[in-house]
Structures are given as structure tokens and as C-alpha cells.
PDB file of N, CA and C in Angstrom:
ATOM      1  N   LYS A   1       0.529  -1.271  -0.143  1.00  0.00           N
ATOM      2  CA  LYS A   1       0.008   0.211  -0.040  1.00  0.00           C
ATOM      3  C   LYS A   1       0.954   1.145  -0.178  1.00  0.00           C
ATOM      4  N   ASP A   2       1.974   1.174   0.893  1.00  0.00           N
ATOM      5  CA  ASP A   2       2.367   2.485   0.787  1.00  0.00           C
ATOM      6  C   ASP A   2       3.769   2.150  -0.138  1.00  0.00           C
ATOM      7  N   TYR A   3       3.956   1.493  -0.994  1.00  0.00           N
ATOM      8  CA  TYR A   3       5.059   1.626  -1.851  1.00  0.00           C
ATOM      9  C   TYR A   3       4.654   2.693  -3.049  1.00  0.00           C
ATOM     10  N   LYS A   4       5.921   3.420  -3.120  1.00  0.00           N
ATOM     11  CA  LYS A   4       5.843   4.114  -4.373  1.00  0.00           C
ATOM     12  C   LYS A   4       7.300   3.839  -5.671  1.00  0.00           C
ATOM     13  N   PHE A   5       6.675   3.936  -6.803  1.00  0.00           N
ATOM     14  CA  PHE A   5       7.598   3.879  -7.516  1.00  0.00           C
ATOM     15  C   PHE A   5       8.598   5.037  -7.620  1.00  0.00           C
ATOM     16  N   GLY A   6      10.036   4.476  -7.761  1.00  0.00           N
ATOM     17  CA  GLY A   6      10.927   5.459  -8.037  1.00  0.00           C
ATOM     18  C   GLY A   6      11.001   6.396  -8.968  1.00  0.00           C
ATOM     19  N   ALA A   7      11.040   7.940  -8.807  1.00  0.00           N
ATOM     20  CA  ALA A   7      10.867   8.218 -10.257  1.00  0.00           C
ATOM     21  C   ALA A   7      12.623   8.833 -11.108  1.00  0.00           C
ATOM     22  N   ALA A   8      11.891   8.782 -11.935  1.00  0.00           N
ATOM     23  CA  ALA A   8      13.010   8.931 -13.209  1.00  0.00           C
ATOM     24  C   ALA A   8      14.419   9.624 -12.924  1.00  0.00           C
ATOM     25  N   LYS A   9      15.495   9.879 -12.938  1.00  0.00           N
ATOM     26  CA  LYS A   9      16.320  10.782 -12.502  1.00  0.00           C
ATOM     27  C   LYS A   9      16.307  11.612 -13.935  1.00  0.00           C
ATOM     28  N   MET A  10      16.590  10.879 -14.775  1.00  0.00           N
ATOM     29  CA  MET A  10      16.433  12.174 -16.241  1.00  0.00           C
ATOM     30  C   MET A  10      15.176  11.867 -17.391  1.00  0.00           C
ATOM     31  N   THR A  11      14.832  13.022 -17.964  1.00  0.00           N
ATOM     32  CA  THR A  11      13.900  12.333 -18.774  1.00  0.00           C
ATOM     33  C   THR A  11      14.387  12.535 -20.370  1.00  0.00           C
ATOM     34  N   ASN A  12      13.533  11.825 -21.062  1.00  0.00           N
ATOM     35  CA  ASN A  12      14.155  11.667 -22.669  1.00  0.00           C
ATOM     36  C   ASN A  12      14.735  13.453 -23.300  1.00  0.00           C
ATOM     37  N   SER A  13      13.663  14.163 -22.766  1.00  0.00           N
ATOM     38  CA  SER A  13      14.399  15.525 -22.949  1.00  0.00           C
ATOM     39  C   SER A  13      15.783  15.312 -22.514  1.00  0.00           C
ATOM     40  N   ASP A  14      15.973  15.821 -21.535  1.00  0.00           N
ATOM     41  CA  ASP A  14      17.634  15.823 -21.051  1.00  0.00           C
ATOM     42  C   ASP A  14      18.479  15.253 -21.661  1.00  0.00           C
ATOM     43  N   LEU A  15      18.049  14.211 -22.099  1.00  0.00           N
ATOM     44  CA  LEU A  15      18.769  13.241 -22.823  1.00  0.00           C
ATOM     45  C   LEU A  15      19.525  13.526 -23.909  1.00  0.00           C
ATOM     46  N   THR A  16      18.600  13.877 -24.722  1.00  0.00           N
ATOM     47  CA  THR A  16      18.504  14.667 -26.141  1.00  0.00           C
ATOM     48  C   THR A  16      19.359  15.699 -26.021  1.00  0.00           C
ATOM     49  N   ARG A  17      19.338  16.796 -25.129  1.00  0.00           N
ATOM     50  CA  ARG A  17      19.904  17.904 -25.032  1.00  0.00           C
ATOM     51  C   ARG A  17      21.120  17.764 -24.852  1.00  0.00           C
ATOM     52  N   ILE A  18      21.696  16.869 -24.085  1.00  0.00           N
ATOM     53  CA  ILE A  18      23.048  16.652 -23.583  1.00  0.00           C
ATOM     54  C   ILE A  18      23.387  15.983 -24.598  1.00  0.00           C
ATOM     55  N   ILE A  19      22.996  15.239 -25.474  1.00  0.00           N
ATOM     56  CA  ILE A  19      23.930  14.366 -26.255  1.00  0.00           C
ATOM     57  C   ILE A  19      23.892  15.522 -27.527  1.00  0.00           C
ATOM     58  N   ASN A  20      23.302  16.205 -27.643  1.00  0.00           N
ATOM     59  CA  ASN A  20      23.179  17.138 -28.961  1.00  0.00           C
ATOM     60  C   ASN A  20      23.792  18.785 -28.613  1.00  0.00           C
ATOM     61  N   SER A  21      24.226  18.578 -27.387  1.00  0.00           N
ATOM     62  CA  SER A  21      25.120  19.490 -27.011  1.00  0.00           C
ATOM     63  C   SER A  21      26.428  19.820 -27.233  1.00  0.00           C
ATOM     64  N   ASP A  22      27.241  20.957 -27.441  1.00  0.00           N
ATOM     65  CA  ASP A  22      28.153  21.486 -28.292  1.00  0.00           C
ATOM     66  C   ASP A  22      29.273  20.544 -27.625  1.00  0.00           C
ATOM     67  N   GLU A  23      29.448  20.307 -26.080  1.00  0.00           N
ATOM     68  CA  GLU A  23      30.614  19.985 -25.545  1.00  0.00           C
ATOM     69  C   GLU A  23      30.874  18.228 -25.823  1.00  0.00           C
ATOM     70  N   ILE A  24      29.843  17.870 -26.117  1.00  0.00           N
ATOM     71  CA  ILE A  24      29.512  16.213 -26.258  1.00  0.00           C
ATOM     72  C   ILE A  24      29.737  16.398 -27.889  1.00  0.00           C
ATOM     73  N   GLN A  25      28.737  16.506 -29.023  1.00  0.00           N
ATOM     74  CA  GLN A  25      29.426  16.702 -30.074  1.00  0.00           C
ATOM     75  C   GLN A  25      30.563  16.811 -30.568  1.00  0.00           C
ATOM     76  N   SER A  26      31.346  17.859 -29.910  1.00  0.00           N
ATOM     77  CA  SER A  26      32.960  17.795 -30.424  1.00  0.00           C
ATOM     78  C   SER A  26      33.929  16.909 -29.933  1.00  0.00           C
ATOM     79  N   VAL A  27      33.201  15.796 -29.065  1.00  0.00           N
ATOM     80  CA  VAL A  27      34.197  14.817 -28.693  1.00  0.00           C
ATOM     81  C   VAL A  27      33.707  13.636 -29.628  1.00  0.00           C
ATOM     82  N   LEU A  28      32.910  14.032 -30.007  1.00  0.00           N
ATOM     83  CA  LEU A  28      32.441  11.974 -30.921  1.00  0.00           C
ATOM     84  C   LEU A  28      32.855  12.329 -31.888  1.00  0.00           C
ATOM     85  N   ARG A  29      33.079  10.965 -32.608  1.00  0.00           N
ATOM     86  CA  ARG A  29      33.507  10.868 -34.145  1.00  0.00           C
ATOM     87  C   ARG A  29      32.392  11.368 -35.146  1.00  0.00           C
ATOM     88  N   PRO A  30      32.878  11.583 -36.453  1.00  0.00           N
ATOM     89  CA  PRO A  30      31.956  11.878 -37.344  1.00  0.00           C
ATOM     90  C   PRO A  30      30.975  10.667 -37.945  1.00  0.00           C
ATOM     91  N   LYS A  31      30.038  10.722 -38.089  1.00  0.00           N
ATOM     92  CA  LYS A  31      29.271  10.001 -38.821  1.00  0.00           C
ATOM     93  C   LYS A  31      29.986   8.959 -39.871  1.00  0.00           C
ATOM     94  N   ASN A  32      29.798   7.599 -39.877  1.00  0.00           N
ATOM     95  CA  ASN A  32      30.587   7.035 -40.751  1.00  0.00           C
ATOM     96  C   ASN A  32      29.376   7.011 -42.103  1.00  0.00           C
ATOM     97  N   SER A  33      29.453   7.790 -43.230  1.00  0.00           N
ATOM     98  CA  SER A  33      28.791   7.640 -44.509  1.00  0.00           C
ATOM     99  C   SER A  33      28.683   6.661 -45.283  1.00  0.00           C
ATOM    100  N   VAL A  34      30.219   6.042 -45.357  1.00  0.00           N
ATOM    101  CA  VAL A  34      30.289   4.701 -46.225  1.00  0.00           C
ATOM    102  C   VAL A  34      29.608   3.551 -46.029  1.00  0.00           C
ATOM    103  N   ALA A  35      28.374   2.907 -46.191  1.00  0.00           N
ATOM    104  CA  ALA A  35      28.307   1.520 -45.878  1.00  0.00           C
ATOM    105  C   ALA A  35      28.797   0.396 -46.637  1.00  0.00           C
ATOM    106  N   LYS A  36      29.047  -0.815 -45.279  1.00  0.00           N
ATOM    107  CA  LYS A  36      29.974  -1.603 -45.903  1.00  0.00           C
ATOM    108  C   LYS A  36      28.792  -2.937 -46.828  1.00  0.00           C
ATOM    109  N   LEU A  37      28.988  -2.958 -48.080  1.00  0.00           N
ATOM    110  CA  LEU A  37      28.506  -3.752 -48.758  1.00  0.00           C
ATOM    111  C   LEU A  37      28.370  -5.510 -48.968  1.00  0.00           C
ATOM    112  N   ASN A  38      27.842  -5.937 -48.484  1.00  0.00           N
ATOM    113  CA  ASN A  38      28.401  -7.639 -48.263  1.00  0.00           C
ATOM    114  C   ASN A  38      28.198  -8.032 -49.712  1.00  0.00           C
ATOM    115  N   THR A  39      29.251  -8.894 -50.028  1.00  0.00           N
ATOM    116  CA  THR A  39      29.613  -9.480 -51.407  1.00  0.00           C
ATOM    117  C   THR A  39      28.760 -10.813 -51.410  1.00  0.00           C
ATOM    118  N   LEU A  40      28.109 -11.415 -52.596  1.00  0.00           N
ATOM    119  CA  LEU A  40      27.670 -12.526 -52.644  1.00  0.00           C
ATOM    120  C   LEU A  40      28.386 -13.945 -52.695  1.00  0.00           C
ATOM    121  N   LYS A  41      28.060 -14.652 -52.024  1.00  0.00           N
ATOM    122  CA  LYS A  41      29.541 -15.878 -51.899  1.00  0.00           C
ATOM    123  C   LYS A  41      28.800 -16.628 -53.129  1.00  0.00           C
ATOM    124  N   LYS A  42      30.093 -16.981 -54.252  1.00  0.00           N
ATOM    125  CA  LYS A  42      29.357 -17.669 -55.237  1.00  0.00           C
ATOM    126  C   LYS A  42      30.070 -19.184 -55.405  1.00  0.00           C
ATOM    127  N   ASN A  43      29.386 -20.263 -55.489  1.00  0.00           N
ATOM    128  CA  ASN A  43      29.362 -21.181 -55.970  1.00  0.00           C
ATOM    129  C   ASN A  43      30.762 -21.525 -56.439  1.00  0.00           C
ATOM    130  N   PRO A  44      31.509 -21.840 -56.815  1.00  0.00           N
ATOM    131  CA  PRO A  44      32.560 -22.281 -57.746  1.00  0.00           C
ATOM    132  C   PRO A  44      32.023 -23.837 -58.403  1.00  0.00           C
ATOM    133  N   LEU A  45      31.570 -24.617 -58.412  1.00  0.00           N
ATOM    134  CA  LEU A  45      31.188 -25.594 -58.502  1.00  0.00           C
ATOM    135  C   LEU A  45      30.091 -25.135 -59.584  1.00  0.00           C
ATOM    136  N   LYS A  46      29.150 -24.317 -59.683  1.00  0.00           N
ATOM    137  CA  LYS A  46      27.489 -23.733 -60.386  1.00  0.00           C
ATOM    138  C   LYS A  46      28.639 -22.405 -61.403  1.00  0.00           C
ATOM    139  N   ASN A  47      29.097 -22.024 -60.810  1.00  0.00           N
ATOM    140  CA  ASN A  47      30.004 -20.532 -61.575  1.00  0.00           C
ATOM    141  C   ASN A  47      31.198 -20.698 -61.805  1.00  0.00           C
ATOM    142  N   PHE A  48      31.389 -21.163 -63.362  1.00  0.00           N
ATOM    143  CA  PHE A  48      32.768 -21.752 -63.668  1.00  0.00           C
ATOM    144  C   PHE A  48      34.044 -20.660 -63.568  1.00  0.00           C
ATOM    145  N   GLY A  49      33.542 -19.069 -64.054  1.00  0.00           N
ATOM    146  CA  GLY A  49      34.336 -17.893 -63.569  1.00  0.00           C
ATOM    147  C   GLY A  49      34.829 -17.754 -62.456  1.00  0.00           C
ATOM    148  N   PHE A  50      34.131 -18.421 -61.534  1.00  0.00           N
ATOM    149  CA  PHE A  50      34.609 -17.921 -60.002  1.00  0.00           C
ATOM    150  C   PHE A  50      35.504 -19.450 -59.959  1.00  0.00           C
ATOM    151  N   LEU A  51      35.922 -20.391 -60.342  1.00  0.00           N
ATOM    152  CA  LEU A  51      35.981 -21.805 -60.052  1.00  0.00           C
ATOM    153  C   LEU A  51      37.724 -21.388 -61.010  1.00  0.00           C
ATOM    154  N   VAL A  52      37.680 -20.653 -62.048  1.00  0.00           N
ATOM    155  CA  VAL A  52      38.877 -20.226 -62.876  1.00  0.00           C
ATOM    156  C   VAL A  52      40.112 -19.200 -61.891  1.00  0.00           C
ATOM    157  N   LYS A  53      38.869 -18.331 -61.132  1.00  0.00           N
ATOM    158  CA  LYS A  53      39.636 -17.338 -60.062  1.00  0.00           C
ATOM    159  C   LYS A  53      40.234 -18.191 -58.855  1.00  0.00           C
ATOM    160  N   LEU A  54      39.644 -19.135 -58.314  1.00  0.00           N
ATOM    161  CA  LEU A  54      40.148 -19.739 -57.519  1.00  0.00           C
ATOM    162  C   LEU A  54      41.177 -21.191 -58.229  1.00  0.00           C
ATOM    163  N   ASN A  55      41.293 -21.439 -59.050  1.00  0.00           N
ATOM    164  CA  ASN A  55      42.091 -22.709 -59.535  1.00  0.00           C
ATOM    165  C   ASN A  55      42.040 -22.408 -61.436  1.00  0.00           C
ATOM    166  N   PRO A  56      43.432 -21.524 -61.612  1.00  0.00           N
ATOM    167  CA  PRO A  56      43.689 -21.185 -63.044  1.00  0.00           C
ATOM    168  C   PRO A  56      43.490 -22.329 -63.976  1.00  0.00           C
ATOM    169  N   TYR A  57      44.016 -23.508 -63.339  1.00  0.00           N
ATOM    170  CA  TYR A  57      43.874 -25.052 -64.049  1.00  0.00           C
ATOM    171  C   TYR A  57      43.021 -25.723 -64.337  1.00  0.00           C
ATOM    172  N   ALA A  58      41.729 -24.529 -63.993  1.00  0.00           N
ATOM    173  CA  ALA A  58      40.529 -25.228 -64.122  1.00  0.00           C
ATOM    174  C   ALA A  58      40.470 -25.337 -65.574  1.00  0.00           C
ATOM    175  N   ILE A  59      40.907 -24.229 -66.572  1.00  0.00           N
ATOM    176  CA  ILE A  59      40.672 -24.178 -67.833  1.00  0.00           C
ATOM    177  C   ILE A  59      41.002 -25.786 -68.443  1.00  0.00           C
ATOM    178  N   PRO A  60      42.117 -25.648 -68.244  1.00  0.00           N
ATOM    179  CA  PRO A  60      42.762 -26.810 -69.046  1.00  0.00           C
ATOM    180  C   PRO A  60      42.246 -28.027 -68.863  1.00  0.00           C
ATOM    181  N   ALA A  61      41.739 -28.307 -67.370  1.00  0.00           N
ATOM    182  CA  ALA A  61      41.556 -29.466 -67.233  1.00  0.00           C
ATOM    183  C   ALA A  61      40.016 -29.508 -68.086  1.00  0.00           C
ATOM    184  N   ARG A  62      39.668 -28.911 -67.716  1.00  0.00           N
ATOM    185  CA  ARG A  62      37.862 -28.835 -68.645  1.00  0.00           C
ATOM    186  C   ARG A  62      38.226 -28.842 -69.667  1.00  0.00           C
ATOM    187  N   ARG A  63      38.913 -28.754 -70.216  1.00  0.00           N
ATOM    188  CA  ARG A  63      39.349 -28.636 -72.303  1.00  0.00           C
ATOM    189  C   ARG A  63      39.666 -29.934 -72.169  1.00  0.00           C
ATOM    190  N   ALA A  64      40.790 -30.420 -71.111  1.00  0.00           N
ATOM    191  CA  ALA A  64      41.217 -31.773 -71.335  1.00  0.00           C
ATOM    192  C   ALA A  64      40.095 -32.895 -71.486  1.00  0.00           C
ATOM    193  N   GLU A  65      38.824 -32.334 -70.766  1.00  0.00           N
ATOM    194  CA  GLU A  65      37.924 -33.786 -70.090  1.00  0.00           C
ATOM    195  C   GLU A  65      37.067 -33.453 -71.604  1.00  0.00           C
ATOM    196  N   ILE A  66      36.900 -32.121 -72.019  1.00  0.00           N
ATOM    197  CA  ILE A  66      35.848 -32.729 -73.177  1.00  0.00           C
ATOM    198  C   ILE A  66      36.560 -32.860 -74.305  1.00  0.00           C
ATOM    199  N   LEU A  67      38.024 -32.989 -74.667  1.00  0.00           N
ATOM    200  CA  LEU A  67      38.383 -33.509 -75.735  1.00  0.00           C
ATOM    201  C   LEU A  67      38.660 -35.093 -75.422  1.00  0.00           C
ATOM    202  N   LYS A  68      38.525 -35.790 -74.108  1.00  0.00           N
ATOM    203  CA  LYS A  68      38.881 -36.800 -74.045  1.00  0.00           C
ATOM    204  C   LYS A  68      37.370 -37.674 -74.112  1.00  0.00           C
ATOM    205  N   SER A  69      36.373 -37.303 -74.494  1.00  0.00           N
ATOM    206  CA  SER A  69      34.960 -37.393 -73.943  1.00  0.00           C
ATOM    207  C   SER A  69      34.456 -37.986 -75.497  1.00  0.00           C
ATOM    208  N   ALA A  70      33.311 -38.094 -75.401  1.00  0.00           N
ATOM    209  CA  ALA A  70      32.361 -39.187 -76.220  1.00  0.00           C
ATOM    210  C   ALA A  70      32.647 -38.491 -77.934  1.00  0.00           C
ATOM    211  N   PRO A  71      32.772 -37.106 -78.391  1.00  0.00           N
ATOM    212  CA  PRO A  71      32.690 -36.682 -79.728  1.00  0.00           C
ATOM    213  C   PRO A  71      33.719 -37.407 -80.702  1.00  0.00           C
ATOM    214  N   GLY A  72      34.782 -37.993 -80.648  1.00  0.00           N
ATOM    215  CA  GLY A  72      35.437 -38.915 -81.231  1.00  0.00           C
ATOM    216  C   GLY A  72      34.802 -40.284 -81.040  1.00  0.00           C
ATOM    217  N   LYS A  73      34.100 -40.740 -80.956  1.00  0.00           N
ATOM    218  CA  LYS A  73      33.211 -42.008 -80.520  1.00  0.00           C
ATOM    219  C   LYS A  73      32.100 -41.992 -81.526  1.00  0.00           C
ATOM    220  N   ARG A  74      31.366 -40.666 -81.367  1.00  0.00           N
ATOM    221  CA  ARG A  74      30.241 -40.082 -81.889  1.00  0.00           C
ATOM    222  C   ARG A  74      30.451 -40.442 -83.749  1.00  0.00           C
ATOM    223  N   LYS A  75      31.470 -39.865 -83.759  1.00  0.00           N
ATOM    224  CA  LYS A  75      32.400 -39.506 -85.214  1.00  0.00           C
ATOM    225  C   LYS A  75      32.381 -40.920 -85.881  1.00  0.00           C
ATOM    226  N   ALA A  76      33.180 -42.227 -85.194  1.00  0.00           N
ATOM    227  CA  ALA A  76      33.131 -43.152 -85.493  1.00  0.00           C
ATOM    228  C   ALA A  76      32.187 -43.437 -86.085  1.00  0.00           C
ATOM    229  N   VAL A  77      30.891 -43.732 -85.619  1.00  0.00           N
ATOM    230  CA  VAL A  77      29.960 -44.219 -85.763  1.00  0.00           C
ATOM    231  C   VAL A  77      29.011 -43.970 -86.700  1.00  0.00           C
ATOM    232  N   ALA A  78      29.291 -42.667 -87.140  1.00  0.00           N
ATOM    233  CA  ALA A  78      28.680 -41.690 -88.150  1.00  0.00           C
ATOM    234  C   ALA A  78      29.031 -41.938 -89.576  1.00  0.00           C
ATOM    235  N   GLU A  79      30.654 -41.900 -89.213  1.00  0.00           N
ATOM    236  CA  GLU A  79      31.393 -42.759 -90.444  1.00  0.00           C
ATOM    237  C   GLU A  79      30.976 -43.988 -90.921  1.00  0.00           C
ATOM    238  N   ASN A  80      30.576 -44.851 -90.028  1.00  0.00           N
ATOM    239  CA  ASN A  80      30.865 -46.247 -90.605  1.00  0.00           C
ATOM    240  C   ASN A  80      29.273 -46.577 -90.810  1.00  0.00           C
ATOM    241  N   PRO A  81      28.833 -46.777 -91.987  1.00  0.00           N
ATOM    242  CA  PRO A  81      26.799 -46.980 -92.245  1.00  0.00           C
ATOM    243  C   PRO A  81      27.092 -48.278 -91.840  1.00  0.00           C
ATOM    244  N   GLU A  82      27.627 -49.257 -91.291  1.00  0.00           N
ATOM    245  CA  GLU A  82      27.404 -50.360 -91.189  1.00  0.00           C
ATOM    246  C   GLU A  82      26.862 -50.175 -89.658  1.00  0.00           C
ATOM    247  N   ALA A  83      27.895 -49.905 -89.318  1.00  0.00           N
ATOM    248  CA  ALA A  83      27.731 -49.458 -87.189  1.00  0.00           C
ATOM    249  C   ALA A  83      26.361 -48.424 -87.245  1.00  0.00           C
ATOM    250  N   LYS A  84      26.081 -47.755 -88.056  1.00  0.00           N
ATOM    251  CA  LYS A  84      25.122 -47.044 -87.563  1.00  0.00           C
ATOM    252  C   LYS A  84      23.647 -47.485 -87.930  1.00  0.00           C
ATOM    253  N   LYS A  85      23.735 -48.492 -89.152  1.00  0.00           N
ATOM    254  CA  LYS A  85      22.713 -49.380 -89.282  1.00  0.00           C
ATOM    255  C   LYS A  85      22.202 -50.504 -88.022  1.00  0.00           C
ATOM    256  N   LYS A  86      23.006 -50.976 -87.414  1.00  0.00           N
ATOM    257  CA  LYS A  86      23.173 -51.707 -86.341  1.00  0.00           C
ATOM    258  C   LYS A  86      22.560 -51.288 -84.816  1.00  0.00           C
ATOM    259  N   ALA A  87      23.224 -49.763 -84.738  1.00  0.00           N
ATOM    260  CA  ALA A  87      23.255 -49.373 -83.581  1.00  0.00           C
ATOM    261  C   ALA A  87      21.648 -48.729 -84.110  1.00  0.00           C
ATOM    262  N   GLN A  88      20.801 -48.475 -84.800  1.00  0.00           N
ATOM    263  CA  GLN A  88      19.382 -48.375 -85.565  1.00  0.00           C
ATOM    264  C   GLN A  88      18.627 -49.313 -84.977  1.00  0.00           C
ATOM    265  N   LYS A  89      18.660 -50.741 -85.757  1.00  0.00           N
ATOM    266  CA  LYS A  89      18.018 -51.704 -85.700  1.00  0.00           C
ATOM    267  C   LYS A  89      18.326 -51.904 -83.605  1.00  0.00           C
ATOM    268  N   ALA A  90      19.004 -51.860 -82.899  1.00  0.00           N
ATOM    269  CA  ALA A  90      19.067 -52.249 -81.151  1.00  0.00           C
ATOM    270  C   ALA A  90      18.342 -51.252 -80.954  1.00  0.00           C
ATOM    271  N   LYS A  91      18.238 -49.850 -81.662  1.00  0.00           N
ATOM    272  CA  LYS A  91      17.197 -48.934 -80.849  1.00  0.00           C
ATOM    273  C   LYS A  91      15.966 -49.236 -81.032  1.00  0.00           C
ATOM    274  N   LYS A  92      15.592 -49.966 -82.688  1.00  0.00           N
ATOM    275  CA  LYS A  92      14.397 -50.307 -83.182  1.00  0.00           C
ATOM    276  C   LYS A  92      13.949 -51.246 -81.906  1.00  0.00           C
ATOM    277  N   ALA A  93      14.753 -52.159 -81.518  1.00  0.00           N
ATOM    278  CA  ALA A  93      14.354 -53.537 -80.999  1.00  0.00           C
ATOM    279  C   ALA A  93      14.209 -52.878 -79.293  1.00  0.00           C
ATOM    280  N   LEU A  94      14.728 -52.177 -78.853  1.00  0.00           N
ATOM    281  CA  LEU A  94      14.982 -51.567 -77.654  1.00  0.00           C
ATOM    282  C   LEU A  94      13.161 -50.921 -77.561  1.00  0.00           C
ATOM    283  N   LYS A  95      13.140 -50.156 -78.355  1.00  0.00           N
ATOM    284  CA  LYS A  95      11.589 -49.666 -78.442  1.00  0.00           C
ATOM    285  C   LYS A  95      10.658 -50.557 -78.336  1.00  0.00           C
ATOM    286  N   ILE A  96      10.829 -51.385 -79.095  1.00  0.00           N
ATOM    287  CA  ILE A  96      10.101 -52.549 -78.918  1.00  0.00           C
ATOM    288  C   ILE A  96       9.819 -53.507 -77.660  1.00  0.00           C
ATOM    289  N   ARG A  97      10.726 -53.796 -77.292  1.00  0.00           N
ATOM    290  CA  ARG A  97      11.019 -54.153 -75.989  1.00  0.00           C
ATOM    291  C   ARG A  97      10.040 -53.180 -74.890  1.00  0.00           C
ATOM    292  N   ARG A  98      10.462 -52.116 -75.073  1.00  0.00           N
ATOM    293  CA  ARG A  98       9.743 -51.061 -74.099  1.00  0.00           C
ATOM    294  C   ARG A  98       8.629 -50.812 -73.711  1.00  0.00           C
ATOM    295  N   LYS A  99       7.927 -50.923 -75.308  1.00  0.00           N
ATOM    296  CA  LYS A  99       6.182 -51.028 -75.686  1.00  0.00           C
ATOM    297  C   LYS A  99       5.799 -52.067 -74.728  1.00  0.00           C
ATOM    298  N   ASN A 100       6.704 -53.488 -75.543  1.00  0.00           N
ATOM    299  CA  ASN A 100       5.828 -54.881 -74.735  1.00  0.00           C
ATOM    300  C   ASN A 100       6.131 -54.786 -73.387  1.00  0.00           C
ATOM    301  N   PHE A 101       6.837 -54.449 -72.399  1.00  0.00           N
ATOM    302  CA  PHE A 101       6.722 -54.368 -71.302  1.00  0.00           C
ATOM    303  C   PHE A 101       5.816 -53.609 -70.812  1.00  0.00           C
ATOM    304  N   TYR A 102       5.664 -51.879 -71.040  1.00  0.00           N
ATOM    305  CA  TYR A 102       4.473 -51.251 -70.508  1.00  0.00           C
ATOM    306  C   TYR A 102       3.019 -51.921 -70.808  1.00  0.00           C
ATOM    307  N   ALA A 103       2.875 -52.522 -72.159  1.00  0.00           N
ATOM    308  CA  ALA A 103       1.431 -53.155 -72.107  1.00  0.00           C
ATOM    309  C   ALA A 103       1.209 -54.711 -71.353  1.00  0.00           C
ATOM    310  N   ASP A 104       2.467 -54.694 -71.076  1.00  0.00           N
ATOM    311  CA  ASP A 104       2.441 -55.921 -69.880  1.00  0.00           C
ATOM    312  C   ASP A 104       1.905 -55.651 -68.666  1.00  0.00           C
ATOM    313  N   ILE A 105       2.116 -54.378 -67.954  1.00  0.00           N
ATOM    314  CA  ILE A 105       2.290 -53.778 -67.085  1.00  0.00           C
ATOM    315  C   ILE A 105       0.791 -53.654 -66.540  1.00  0.00           C
ATOM    316  N   LEU A 106       0.248 -52.942 -67.777  1.00  0.00           N
ATOM    317  CA  LEU A 106      -1.111 -52.393 -67.997  1.00  0.00           C
ATOM    318  C   LEU A 106      -2.227 -53.338 -68.123  1.00  0.00           C
ATOM    319  N   ALA A 107      -1.580 -54.485 -68.856  1.00  0.00           N
ATOM    320  CA  ALA A 107      -2.448 -55.714 -68.697  1.00  0.00           C
ATOM    321  C   ALA A 107      -3.644 -56.175 -67.578  1.00  0.00           C
ATOM    322  N   PRO A 108      -2.976 -56.074 -66.475  1.00  0.00           N
ATOM    323  CA  PRO A 108      -4.138 -56.654 -65.625  1.00  0.00           C
ATOM    324  C   PRO A 108      -5.000 -55.146 -64.677  1.00  0.00           C
ATOM    325  N   VAL A 109      -4.513 -54.154 -65.400  1.00  0.00           N
ATOM    326  CA  VAL A 109      -5.622 -52.885 -65.303  1.00  0.00           C
ATOM    327  C   VAL A 109      -7.067 -52.578 -65.904  1.00  0.00           C
ATOM    328  N   LYS A 110      -6.653 -53.124 -67.183  1.00  0.00           N
ATOM    329  CA  LYS A 110      -7.500 -53.430 -68.444  1.00  0.00           C
ATOM    330  C   LYS A 110      -8.774 -54.074 -68.177  1.00  0.00           C
TER     331      LYS A 110
END
């Protein structure tokens, strides 16, 4: 019953007046106007340019990988007409097998 809350020693207007006073403002550092920009982290596995920046050997490595892979094999099949016909027959047979397999799967449903 007889308890009273303590009164504030200072009001907000007092604080504002003190902060804006010449004595305090002369001691403070100037406001930093330039904000620091955060750079976006790039994934070198998706961004080849960034991978090259981290690892300059990535360019010759990628080139060697491309030269080593399939284009030479594709040329050999394209130049040889017998191999081309054989590949077409195999593709056709596979297509028929797929069609029959799918029909067998759907047979109980119909």
C-alpha cells in the first residue's frame, strides 16, 4: 500500500539536450557515411568463372575432359554406315521391348 515507484532521475528531453550539446558533439567521431557492402558468395561448382579465379588450372582441365570424352566416338559411328545401321536396329528393338513391357504392366488394369 505505502510503496511508491522511484521517479526517473532523467527525462528523454534531458538526454536529447545533453547528446546534442556542443561539448558532447565536439568529442564524438563523425558519422560513418559509407556502408559496407556484403559480397554475394559464389559457388565455384556452378560458376565456372569463379572456379577459374580460385583455380586457374580449371580451364585446361575442363578442355582436356571435353577432348577426352564422346565426340570422337560419335564420329566413328557416323562415318561407318554398317555400325550406324546396327545401332538403329538395336534402338528399334529396344523401343519394341519397352512398348511390350509397358503393355504387360497395364494388362491387369484393363
